[in-house]
Amino acid sequence: MNPFATHLPVLLACLERTSGPVLELGSGWFSTPLLAAFAQDRLVRTIETNPEWFGRIAGIGTHQPVTRHRHQFVFVSDYDDAPVTDQDWDLVVLDHEPPPRRGVDALRLRGRCRLMLGHDAEHPDYRYAAAFDTFRYRFTESRRLPWTTVVSDQPLDWLAESLRFPGGLA
């Protein structure tokens, strides 16, 4: 599996379990189109700080003539200026750069989400621990590198079962 896509099975499971708004910090060739396809009829906000990458990825949702969706693409020069605290999120996806910024934003969004998903969760440079350790429940998909971790204050026992696809992915 492509190392930039290892979080997709977990992301899909989280989307199936939620129905409210989704915040994606950092866009990508894999997660952003998946959100555009699977999070229809709900708010999805993708925030990016890299102007070149934003130019590439924003068209995925803004020029989507096939389905109705509310996918917002927001460019900010600094994540400190990102509009992320204007509401609560059912799912927050952390997959942005630079690496230490993920921990900063995980703490910033700690009380504003039901589920928080962190890609590259095994790597200490991303500094997830300070925020992730404050959640009551944690699930880590470690069968593929990089790892993906989901944290929540609600039980996550459904997540392991959701990842047991017929025929298996392992």
Foldseek 3Di string as FASTA:
>chain_A
DPQVCPCPLLVLVLLVVDQEEEEEEDDDPHVLLVCLPRNAPYEYEYEYQDVVVLVVRVCSNVVDPPGHHRYHYYYDNDPVPDPDPPAAHQEYEYDYDDQCVQCVVLVVNLPRYAKYKYWLVVDCSNVVCVNQVVAPDKDWDDPDPPIMMMGGNDDDPVSVVSQQDVVHDD
